Protein backbone atom coordinates (compact mmCIF):
# COMPACT_ATOMS: atom_id res chain seq x y z
CA MET A 1 144.69 192.90 4.06
CA CYS A 2 144.93 190.88 6.38
CA SER A 3 141.64 188.79 4.27
CA LEU A 4 143.95 188.28 1.29
CA PHE A 5 146.54 187.36 3.28
CA TYR A 6 144.34 184.63 4.12
CA LEU A 7 143.20 183.40 1.32
CA LYS A 8 146.82 183.76 -0.04
CA TYR A 9 148.00 181.29 3.09
CA SER A 10 145.17 179.05 3.28
CA LYS A 11 145.23 178.25 0.10
CA THR A 12 149.13 177.32 0.30
CA ILE A 13 149.17 175.14 3.54
CA ILE A 14 146.18 173.04 2.05
CA ILE A 15 148.92 172.47 -0.32
CA LEU A 16 151.73 172.03 1.69
CA ILE A 17 149.62 169.05 3.89
CA LEU A 18 148.18 167.61 0.57
CA ILE A 19 151.71 167.31 -1.12
CA ASN A 20 153.26 166.60 2.30
CA PRO A 21 151.77 162.92 3.67
CA LYS A 22 154.90 163.02 6.08
CA LEU A 23 153.52 165.75 8.76
CA LYS A 24 152.81 164.43 11.74
CA ILE A 25 153.31 164.34 15.61
CA ASP A 26 156.83 163.91 15.95
CA HIS A 27 157.67 164.35 19.85
CA VAL A 28 156.01 165.00 23.36
CA HIS A 29 158.36 166.35 26.33
CA LEU A 30 157.02 165.71 30.32
CA LYS A 31 157.91 167.59 33.01
CA VAL A 32 158.12 164.36 35.94
CA SER A 33 158.81 164.32 39.84
CA ASP A 34 160.90 161.61 39.86
CA LEU A 35 162.63 160.78 36.40
CA GLU A 36 163.93 157.50 38.12
CA LYS A 37 160.67 156.69 39.30
CA SER A 38 159.29 157.96 35.56
CA LEU A 39 161.65 155.16 33.70
CA GLN A 40 161.42 152.64 35.08
CA PHE A 41 157.91 152.66 34.23
CA TYR A 42 157.88 153.94 30.79
CA GLN A 43 161.03 151.07 30.65
CA SER A 44 159.33 148.27 32.29
CA ILE A 45 155.93 148.52 31.30
CA LEU A 46 155.67 150.49 27.50
CA GLY A 47 159.22 149.17 26.07
CA PHE A 48 160.53 152.06 25.57
CA LYS A 49 164.27 152.42 25.78
CA ILE A 50 166.94 155.25 27.12
CA VAL A 51 168.46 157.05 23.73
CA ARG A 52 169.94 159.06 25.41
CA GLN A 53 170.23 161.27 28.67
CA LYS A 54 171.37 164.25 29.94
CA SER A 55 170.99 165.82 33.67
CA LYS A 56 167.21 165.38 34.68
CA THR A 57 166.51 164.80 30.50
CA ALA A 58 165.81 161.68 29.08
CA PHE A 59 165.32 160.97 25.90
CA LEU A 60 163.05 157.40 24.89
CA SER A 61 161.95 155.35 22.37
CA SER A 62 162.21 152.69 19.87
CA SER A 63 165.49 149.80 20.27
CA ALA A 64 164.88 149.98 16.67
CA SER A 65 164.99 153.62 16.34
CA PHE A 66 168.00 153.85 18.43
CA GLU A 67 169.67 151.94 16.58
CA THR A 68 169.31 153.40 13.26
CA ASN A 69 169.43 157.15 14.76
CA SER A 70 170.40 158.24 18.37
CA SER A 71 168.90 161.33 18.07
CA LEU A 72 165.39 160.37 17.16
CA PHE A 73 162.88 160.22 20.28
CA LEU A 74 159.28 160.15 21.19
CA ILE A 75 159.50 160.96 25.00
CA ALA A 76 161.64 163.18 26.47
CA LEU A 77 161.75 163.11 29.96
CA THR A 78 162.17 166.13 32.36
CA GLU A 79 161.94 165.85 35.91
CA VAL A 80 161.13 169.71 37.78
CA ASN A 81 161.89 170.77 41.47
CA ASN A 82 158.40 171.07 42.17
CA ASP A 83 157.82 170.03 46.04
CA LEU A 84 154.45 169.47 44.76
CA LYS A 85 152.38 165.82 44.58
CA PRO A 86 151.11 164.48 41.42
CA GLN A 87 147.81 165.30 41.02
CA ARG A 88 145.19 163.80 38.85
CA ARG A 89 143.33 166.15 37.23
CA GLN A 90 144.82 169.79 37.83
CA ARG A 91 142.75 172.28 36.52
CA VAL A 92 145.21 173.81 33.95
CA ALA A 93 145.35 173.43 30.47
CA GLY A 94 147.86 170.78 29.13
CA LEU A 95 147.82 166.85 27.93
CA TYR A 96 144.85 165.17 28.70
CA HIS A 97 146.78 162.04 26.78
CA PHE A 98 149.17 161.34 24.35
CA ALA A 99 148.85 158.64 22.35
CA ILE A 100 150.94 156.08 20.98
CA LEU A 101 150.41 155.01 17.64
CA LEU A 102 151.56 150.63 17.34
CA PRO A 103 151.88 149.50 13.27
CA GLU A 104 149.52 146.35 13.43
CA ARG A 105 147.14 145.10 15.68
CA ARG A 106 149.09 141.89 17.69
CA TYR A 107 151.45 144.30 19.06
CA LEU A 108 147.72 145.98 21.03
CA SER A 109 147.24 142.27 21.93
CA TYR A 110 150.42 141.81 23.45
CA PHE A 111 150.27 144.99 25.11
CA LEU A 112 146.87 144.36 27.08
CA LYS A 113 148.29 140.46 28.09
CA GLN A 114 151.84 143.05 28.92
CA ILE A 115 149.65 145.78 31.21
CA GLN A 116 147.14 142.33 32.34
CA LYS A 117 150.28 141.12 33.94
CA ASN A 118 152.74 143.38 35.14
CA LEU A 119 151.18 147.29 35.73
CA ASN A 120 149.76 148.08 38.82
CA PRO A 121 145.94 148.56 39.04
CA GLU A 122 146.15 151.98 39.71
CA TYR A 123 147.05 152.62 36.30
CA TYR A 124 145.19 151.65 34.65
CA GLU A 125 142.52 153.74 33.68
CA GLY A 126 140.47 151.49 30.36
CA MET A 127 139.98 150.49 26.94
CA ALA A 128 137.87 151.23 24.02
CA ASP A 129 137.18 150.99 20.31
CA HIS A 130 136.47 154.45 18.09
CA ALA A 131 135.57 152.68 15.27
CA VAL A 132 139.20 153.89 13.34
CA SER A 133 141.22 152.47 16.35
CA GLU A 134 140.99 150.21 19.57
CA SER A 135 143.03 152.14 22.88
CA ILE A 136 144.15 151.34 25.97
CA TYR A 137 144.53 153.94 28.50
CA ILE A 138 146.80 154.26 31.20
CA HIS A 139 148.41 156.96 33.22
CA ASP A 140 152.54 157.47 34.21
CA PRO A 141 153.45 158.35 37.60
CA ASP A 142 152.57 161.63 37.53
CA PHE A 143 149.36 161.21 35.69
CA ASN A 144 149.83 162.25 32.41
CA GLY A 145 147.46 159.96 29.90
CA ILE A 146 148.57 157.76 27.68
CA GLU A 147 147.14 155.76 25.22
CA VAL A 148 148.40 153.08 23.67
CA TYR A 149 146.81 152.48 20.31
CA ASN A 150 146.21 150.96 16.53
CA ASP A 151 144.72 152.12 13.41
CA ARG A 152 142.08 150.18 12.27
CA ASP A 153 142.43 150.48 7.92
CA PRO A 154 141.73 153.31 6.41
CA ALA A 155 139.50 151.68 4.39
CA GLU A 156 137.03 151.45 6.85
CA TRP A 157 137.08 154.72 8.05
CA LYS A 158 132.94 155.98 7.34
CA TRP A 159 133.40 159.15 5.93
CA LYS A 160 131.14 161.89 4.75
CA ASP A 161 132.62 165.05 3.37
CA HIS A 162 135.22 165.86 6.12
CA ILE A 163 133.90 164.10 9.28
CA VAL A 164 135.37 160.94 9.86
CA HIS A 165 132.93 158.97 12.31
CA MET A 166 133.86 158.11 15.40
CA VAL A 167 132.81 156.25 18.54
CA THR A 168 133.49 155.74 22.36
CA GLU A 169 132.18 151.67 22.41
CA PRO A 170 134.02 148.53 24.75
CA LEU A 171 136.38 146.80 23.50
CA ASN A 172 136.12 143.34 22.34
CA VAL A 173 139.64 142.34 23.86
CA GLN A 174 138.23 138.45 23.43
CA ASP A 175 138.80 139.30 19.39
CA LEU A 176 142.15 141.08 20.41
CA LEU A 177 143.39 138.42 22.52
CA LYS A 178 143.41 136.34 19.28
CA GLU A 179 146.06 138.58 17.97
CA SER A 180 148.64 136.43 20.42
CA THR A 181 149.92 133.43 19.02
CA ALA A 182 151.46 131.13 20.94
CA VAL A 183 155.19 131.62 19.52
CA ASP A 184 155.06 135.22 19.82
CA ASN A 185 153.03 136.98 22.00
CA GLU A 186 155.46 139.03 24.19
CA TRP A 187 155.78 142.23 24.68
CA ASN A 188 159.31 142.93 25.53
CA GLU A 189 159.76 146.65 23.36
CA LEU A 190 158.23 148.68 21.14
CA PRO A 191 157.78 147.65 17.99
CA THR A 192 159.32 149.33 14.68
CA LYS A 193 157.59 152.08 13.54
CA THR A 194 156.16 152.77 16.52
CA SER A 195 155.26 156.51 16.23
CA ILE A 196 153.22 158.93 18.47
CA GLY A 197 150.27 159.20 16.94
CA HIS A 198 147.75 162.72 18.28
CA VAL A 199 147.75 164.45 21.38
CA HIS A 200 144.42 164.72 23.51
CA LEU A 201 144.24 167.68 25.36
CA HIS A 202 142.97 170.11 27.39
CA VAL A 203 141.44 173.46 26.53
CA SER A 204 139.63 176.12 28.30
CA ASN A 205 137.82 177.28 25.57
CA LEU A 206 136.28 174.83 22.15
CA ASP A 207 136.10 178.47 19.42
CA LYS A 208 139.32 179.67 20.46
CA ALA A 209 140.82 175.76 20.35
CA LYS A 210 138.92 175.25 16.69
CA LYS A 211 140.32 179.24 15.28
CA PHE A 212 143.90 178.59 16.57
CA TYR A 213 144.09 174.33 15.35
CA GLN A 214 141.37 174.55 12.16
CA GLU A 215 141.98 178.78 11.15
CA ILE A 216 145.59 179.53 12.02
CA LEU A 217 147.28 176.27 11.48
CA ASP A 218 144.64 175.07 8.80
CA LEU A 219 143.94 171.47 9.79
CA ASN A 220 140.64 169.81 9.11
CA HIS A 221 138.18 170.08 11.39
CA THR A 222 137.40 166.12 11.32
CA ALA A 223 134.80 165.08 13.89
CA THR A 224 132.93 166.84 17.60
CA PHE A 225 132.20 165.12 20.43
CA PRO A 226 130.00 166.26 23.77
CA GLY A 227 132.68 169.00 25.15
CA ALA A 228 135.46 168.43 22.45
CA TYR A 229 137.00 169.00 19.05
CA PHE A 230 139.24 166.45 16.81
CA PHE A 231 142.13 168.09 14.44
CA ALA A 232 143.92 166.10 11.42
CA ALA A 233 145.67 166.75 8.30
CA ASN A 234 146.03 164.22 5.11
CA ARG A 235 142.54 162.13 5.64
CA TYR A 236 143.27 161.40 9.42
CA HIS A 237 141.34 160.64 11.83
CA HIS A 238 143.10 163.56 14.12
CA HIS A 239 146.37 164.45 15.20
CA ILE A 240 145.22 166.36 17.43
CA ALA A 241 142.03 167.02 19.96
CA THR A 242 140.75 169.40 22.07
CA ASN A 243 138.67 169.03 24.90
CA THR A 244 136.46 171.65 28.03
CA TRP A 245 135.80 168.59 30.27
CA LEU A 246 138.13 170.19 33.25
CA GLY A 247 135.59 173.31 32.33
CA GLU A 248 136.88 176.69 30.69
CA ASN A 249 137.47 178.45 34.16
CA ILE A 250 140.99 176.74 33.92
CA SER A 251 144.22 178.48 33.89
CA SER A 252 147.50 178.32 31.80
CA PRO A 253 150.66 176.44 32.04
CA LYS A 254 152.46 179.75 30.74
CA ASN A 255 152.26 180.98 34.25
CA ASP A 256 153.76 178.12 36.21
CA THR A 257 156.85 176.62 34.00
CA ASN A 258 157.82 173.82 36.77
CA LYS A 259 153.67 172.65 36.53
CA LEU A 260 154.61 168.84 36.08
CA GLY A 261 152.75 167.52 32.90
CA LEU A 262 153.75 168.85 29.06
CA ASP A 263 156.12 171.04 28.56
CA HIS A 264 155.72 170.51 24.56
CA TYR A 265 154.92 168.91 21.79
CA ALA A 266 155.84 168.51 18.96
CA ILE A 267 155.26 169.01 15.33
CA ASN A 268 157.89 167.59 12.17
CA LEU A 269 156.86 169.47 8.51
CA HIS A 270 160.11 167.53 6.72
CA ASN A 271 160.46 171.11 5.11
CA GLU A 272 162.00 174.15 5.39
CA LYS A 273 159.99 175.66 3.04
CA ASP A 274 157.12 174.81 4.47
CA LEU A 275 158.10 175.69 7.90
CA LEU A 276 159.07 179.49 6.94
CA LEU A 277 155.18 179.95 5.38
CA LEU A 278 154.02 178.60 8.63
CA LYS A 279 156.59 180.83 10.61
CA ASN A 280 154.98 184.17 8.15
CA ARG A 281 151.61 182.97 8.61
CA PHE A 282 151.53 183.18 12.53
CA LEU A 283 153.73 186.33 12.10
CA GLU A 284 150.61 187.48 10.64
CA PHE A 285 148.00 186.37 13.25
CA LYS A 286 149.89 188.56 15.81
CA ILE A 287 151.15 184.75 17.30
CA ASN A 288 154.55 185.43 18.85
CA ILE A 289 157.25 183.17 17.74
CA ASP A 290 159.77 181.88 20.78
CA GLU A 291 163.28 180.91 18.97
CA GLU A 292 165.35 182.65 22.55
CA GLN A 293 164.34 179.19 24.58
CA LEU A 294 165.68 176.47 22.88
CA THR A 295 167.50 174.14 24.43
CA GLU A 296 171.11 171.99 23.68
CA ASN A 297 168.34 169.98 23.32
CA ASP A 298 166.85 170.77 20.42
CA ASN A 299 169.43 171.53 18.46
CA GLN A 300 169.69 168.81 16.30
CA PHE A 301 167.12 170.05 14.20
CA SER A 302 168.04 172.23 11.87
CA SER A 303 165.23 174.87 11.84
CA SER A 304 163.14 175.19 15.02
CA PHE A 305 161.06 177.68 16.73
CA TYR A 306 158.11 177.35 19.64
CA VAL A 307 154.68 179.15 19.93
CA TYR A 308 151.49 179.19 22.57
CA ASP A 309 148.39 177.88 21.40
CA PHE A 310 145.28 180.81 22.61
CA ASP A 311 145.70 179.03 26.34
CA GLY A 312 149.42 178.97 27.05
CA ILE A 313 150.16 175.10 25.66
CA LYS A 314 153.52 175.48 24.30
CA ILE A 315 154.47 174.64 20.09
CA GLN A 316 157.45 173.23 19.54
CA PHE A 317 157.57 172.98 15.18
CA PHE A 318 160.89 172.08 13.02
CA VAL A 319 162.03 170.35 10.01
């Protein structure tokens, strides 16, 4: 029964992925210790705009997104009551980093000049060339990891079957800075078409993560690094990455809802039928569907539900 269902729905989900190239990470929701301090960072360093704010939660996006639709956002920040100071490495499953995808390489060059000039060095993490993309890494005041990156032309990506070639090599800073022109080289705000490209998660076990993200969610396993797996839809290099770099003896975020860090990340399926198929798939694998905890902040979505992966990381699916 279960194997028949798996074959049946595996084909269905594969069709979903192939016919729905818009499937993507939509936004991330973070729990922070000081909302005003976080807002100052996300606005002054990253160029986000507040699209709306209510009580202790603020929703951020580019100004272009706000002008188009004030309900759209890329980041939500919620201040939680927590007397503990932010810590760099909490031994808890959750966010390693979320990744802000810039639409053109020149914007990454502008951002590099922005942090060279304005970023406190304590927030700087590093830079890398990943072959498929070029990346700059920082963290926010609560040690939430942030990658700001630009993809190389997908025609340049090297594939072997479903495996994409990715590396971690030094970023050619001087070459990147050549993208900055004398006239238009300022980082004032996030450019139009900025999106959340992927999320990278701390998990307790890679095999369990693979079962959830590949077997159940039916993403492609696109790359393997020491201690890390990468998963994607739509022939992308990765939408979700998982690693065990904190070790395997880490706790679940479900055990402490006030802990700083990732509250949840959200995936937009864009289609009610696809959402229902995925919900049925989760139920067949005996994964609980959580629709009761949807808050008024989530009411902008016509249909939505939460699930938890095998490490208790919360994921929202919606259309």
